[in-house]
């Protein structure tokens, strides 16, 4: 059975990249949109850090032990930076948000 870790991981990394690119620009509109994207990013990181329960062929969730996301180490490193990114976007501190976004992206 194949699990879709890379797509979710890559999608979240792309989301962070887009936020960082926006923060590196001069657009002053869109703070609320970027805040929503940063919140989605934090949510994705937290979700990916949870163990994955694999059902057996009968559909029972407790048939096999849970597995960890293979990117767990990167996710754990990126999460605090992503949470700081969200806070600094909400306060519209572009310089701090850019630093936090770059740090989260680099961790991934």
C-alpha atoms as a PDB file:
ATOM      1  CA  UNK A   1       0.000   0.000   0.000  1.00  0.00           C
ATOM      2  CA  UNK A   2       1.340   3.448  -0.909  1.00  0.00           C
ATOM      3  CA  UNK A   3       0.904   6.425   1.399  1.00  0.00           C
ATOM      4  CA  UNK A   4       0.790   9.950   0.067  1.00  0.00           C
ATOM      5  CA  UNK A   5       3.472  11.577   2.243  1.00  0.00           C
ATOM      6  CA  UNK A   6       5.473  13.349  -0.480  1.00  0.00           C
ATOM      7  CA  UNK A   7       2.496  15.110  -2.053  1.00  0.00           C
ATOM      8  CA  UNK A   8       1.306  16.552   1.246  1.00  0.00           C
ATOM      9  CA  UNK A   9       4.854  17.371   2.275  1.00  0.00           C
ATOM     10  CA  UNK A  10       5.698  18.910  -1.086  1.00  0.00           C
ATOM     11  CA  UNK A  11       2.408  20.809  -1.172  1.00  0.00           C
ATOM     12  CA  UNK A  12       3.082  22.306   2.252  1.00  0.00           C
ATOM     13  CA  UNK A  13       6.631  23.196   1.238  1.00  0.00           C
ATOM     14  CA  UNK A  14       5.283  24.903  -1.899  1.00  0.00           C
ATOM     15  CA  UNK A  15       2.779  26.783   0.256  1.00  0.00           C
ATOM     16  CA  UNK A  16       5.602  28.060   2.450  1.00  0.00           C
ATOM     17  CA  UNK A  17       7.600  29.045  -0.635  1.00  0.00           C
ATOM     18  CA  UNK A  18       4.670  31.073  -1.969  1.00  0.00           C
ATOM     19  CA  UNK A  19       4.224  32.860   1.360  1.00  0.00           C
ATOM     20  CA  UNK A  20       7.943  33.679   1.510  1.00  0.00           C
ATOM     21  CA  UNK A  21       7.855  35.007  -2.054  1.00  0.00           C
ATOM     22  CA  UNK A  22       4.888  37.237  -1.201  1.00  0.00           C
ATOM     23  CA  UNK A  23       6.633  38.504   1.921  1.00  0.00           C
ATOM     24  CA  UNK A  24       9.737  39.283  -0.146  1.00  0.00           C
ATOM     25  CA  UNK A  25       7.670  41.545  -2.370  1.00  0.00           C
ATOM     26  CA  UNK A  26       6.097  44.917  -1.745  1.00  0.00           C
ATOM     27  CA  UNK A  27       2.394  44.042  -1.969  1.00  0.00           C
ATOM     28  CA  UNK A  28       0.625  45.565   1.027  1.00  0.00           C
ATOM     29  CA  UNK A  29      -2.750  44.011   0.264  1.00  0.00           C
ATOM     30  CA  UNK A  30      -3.344  40.365   0.988  1.00  0.00           C
ATOM     31  CA  UNK A  31      -2.230  40.080   4.591  1.00  0.00           C
ATOM     32  CA  UNK A  32      -5.435  38.267   5.499  1.00  0.00           C
ATOM     33  CA  UNK A  33      -4.967  35.835   2.612  1.00  0.00           C
ATOM     34  CA  UNK A  34      -1.375  35.157   3.611  1.00  0.00           C
ATOM     35  CA  UNK A  35      -2.495  34.658   7.210  1.00  0.00           C
ATOM     36  CA  UNK A  36      -5.003  32.044   6.066  1.00  0.00           C
ATOM     37  CA  UNK A  37      -2.308  30.298   4.031  1.00  0.00           C
ATOM     38  CA  UNK A  38       0.099  30.353   6.985  1.00  0.00           C
ATOM     39  CA  UNK A  39      -2.623  28.891   9.239  1.00  0.00           C
ATOM     40  CA  UNK A  40      -3.190  26.149   6.656  1.00  0.00           C
ATOM     41  CA  UNK A  41       0.538  25.468   6.602  1.00  0.00           C
ATOM     42  CA  UNK A  42       0.702  25.136  10.399  1.00  0.00           C
ATOM     43  CA  UNK A  43      -2.326  22.852  10.339  1.00  0.00           C
ATOM     44  CA  UNK A  44      -0.732  20.679   7.642  1.00  0.00           C
ATOM     45  CA  UNK A  45       2.501  20.386   9.602  1.00  0.00           C
ATOM     46  CA  UNK A  46       0.657  19.337  12.753  1.00  0.00           C
ATOM     47  CA  UNK A  47      -1.465  16.845  10.832  1.00  0.00           C
ATOM     48  CA  UNK A  48       1.567  15.286   9.158  1.00  0.00           C
ATOM     49  CA  UNK A  49       3.257  14.840  12.544  1.00  0.00           C
ATOM     50  CA  UNK A  50       0.452  12.608  13.819  1.00  0.00           C
ATOM     51  CA  UNK A  51       0.963   8.845  13.496  1.00  0.00           C
ATOM     52  CA  UNK A  52      -0.669   7.301  10.448  1.00  0.00           C
ATOM     53  CA  UNK A  53      -2.964   4.392  11.204  1.00  0.00           C
ATOM     54  CA  UNK A  54      -3.086   1.836   8.426  1.00  0.00           C
ATOM     55  CA  UNK A  55      -6.173  -0.307   8.093  1.00  0.00           C
ATOM     56  CA  UNK A  56      -5.757  -3.957   7.215  1.00  0.00           C
ATOM     57  CA  UNK A  57      -7.613  -5.501   4.303  1.00  0.00           C
ATOM     58  CA  UNK A  58     -10.793  -5.829   6.371  1.00  0.00           C
ATOM     59  CA  UNK A  59     -10.785  -2.104   7.116  1.00  0.00           C
ATOM     60  CA  UNK A  60      -9.931  -2.409  10.805  1.00  0.00           C
ATOM     61  CA  UNK A  61      -7.841   0.542  12.007  1.00  0.00           C
ATOM     62  CA  UNK A  62      -6.023  -1.391  14.730  1.00  0.00           C
ATOM     63  CA  UNK A  63      -4.732  -4.247  12.572  1.00  0.00           C
ATOM     64  CA  UNK A  64      -1.287  -2.716  11.994  1.00  0.00           C
ATOM     65  CA  UNK A  65       0.738  -0.383  14.206  1.00  0.00           C
ATOM     66  CA  UNK A  66       0.799   3.291  13.225  1.00  0.00           C
ATOM     67  CA  UNK A  67       3.700   4.637  11.224  1.00  0.00           C
ATOM     68  CA  UNK A  68       5.406   7.995  11.515  1.00  0.00           C
ATOM     69  CA  UNK A  69       5.732  10.381   8.629  1.00  0.00           C
ATOM     70  CA  UNK A  70       9.154   9.840   7.039  1.00  0.00           C
ATOM     71  CA  UNK A  71       9.633  13.627   7.129  1.00  0.00           C
ATOM     72  CA  UNK A  72       8.907  13.893  10.858  1.00  0.00           C
ATOM     73  CA  UNK A  73      12.305  15.364  11.763  1.00  0.00           C
ATOM     74  CA  UNK A  74      12.006  18.154   9.195  1.00  0.00           C
ATOM     75  CA  UNK A  75       8.405  18.801  10.205  1.00  0.00           C
ATOM     76  CA  UNK A  76       9.277  19.066  13.895  1.00  0.00           C
ATOM     77  CA  UNK A  77      12.016  21.556  13.063  1.00  0.00           C
ATOM     78  CA  UNK A  78       9.817  23.604  10.734  1.00  0.00           C
ATOM     79  CA  UNK A  79       6.718  23.761  12.960  1.00  0.00           C
ATOM     80  CA  UNK A  80       7.942  26.372  15.511  1.00  0.00           C
ATOM     81  CA  UNK A  81       9.109  28.612  12.670  1.00  0.00           C
ATOM     82  CA  UNK A  82       5.784  28.207  10.863  1.00  0.00           C
ATOM     83  CA  UNK A  83       3.882  29.074  14.052  1.00  0.00           C
ATOM     84  CA  UNK A  84       6.057  32.170  14.463  1.00  0.00           C
ATOM     85  CA  UNK A  85       5.403  32.986  10.797  1.00  0.00           C
ATOM     86  CA  UNK A  86       1.667  32.874  11.444  1.00  0.00           C
ATOM     87  CA  UNK A  87       1.970  35.154  14.494  1.00  0.00           C
ATOM     88  CA  UNK A  88       4.122  37.691  12.684  1.00  0.00           C
ATOM     89  CA  UNK A  89       1.842  37.735   9.648  1.00  0.00           C
ATOM     90  CA  UNK A  90      -1.098  38.438  11.942  1.00  0.00           C
ATOM     91  CA  UNK A  91       0.787  41.419  13.381  1.00  0.00           C
ATOM     92  CA  UNK A  92       1.851  42.440   9.850  1.00  0.00           C
ATOM     93  CA  UNK A  93       5.521  42.439  10.754  1.00  0.00           C
ATOM     94  CA  UNK A  94       6.888  41.742   7.275  1.00  0.00           C
ATOM     95  CA  UNK A  95      10.576  41.507   8.221  1.00  0.00           C
ATOM     96  CA  UNK A  96       9.994  39.060  11.079  1.00  0.00           C
ATOM     97  CA  UNK A  97       7.490  37.060   9.033  1.00  0.00           C
ATOM     98  CA  UNK A  98       9.995  36.798   6.199  1.00  0.00           C
ATOM     99  CA  UNK A  99      12.709  35.553   8.575  1.00  0.00           C
ATOM    100  CA  UNK A 100      10.343  32.979  10.085  1.00  0.00           C
ATOM    101  CA  UNK A 101       9.079  31.879   6.696  1.00  0.00           C
ATOM    102  CA  UNK A 102      12.588  31.410   5.351  1.00  0.00           C
ATOM    103  CA  UNK A 103      13.553  29.427   8.462  1.00  0.00           C
ATOM    104  CA  UNK A 104      10.492  27.159   8.140  1.00  0.00           C
ATOM    105  CA  UNK A 105      11.152  26.621   4.444  1.00  0.00           C
ATOM    106  CA  UNK A 106      14.845  25.855   5.054  1.00  0.00           C
ATOM    107  CA  UNK A 107      13.922  23.303   7.733  1.00  0.00           C
ATOM    108  CA  UNK A 108      11.801  21.418   5.275  1.00  0.00           C
END
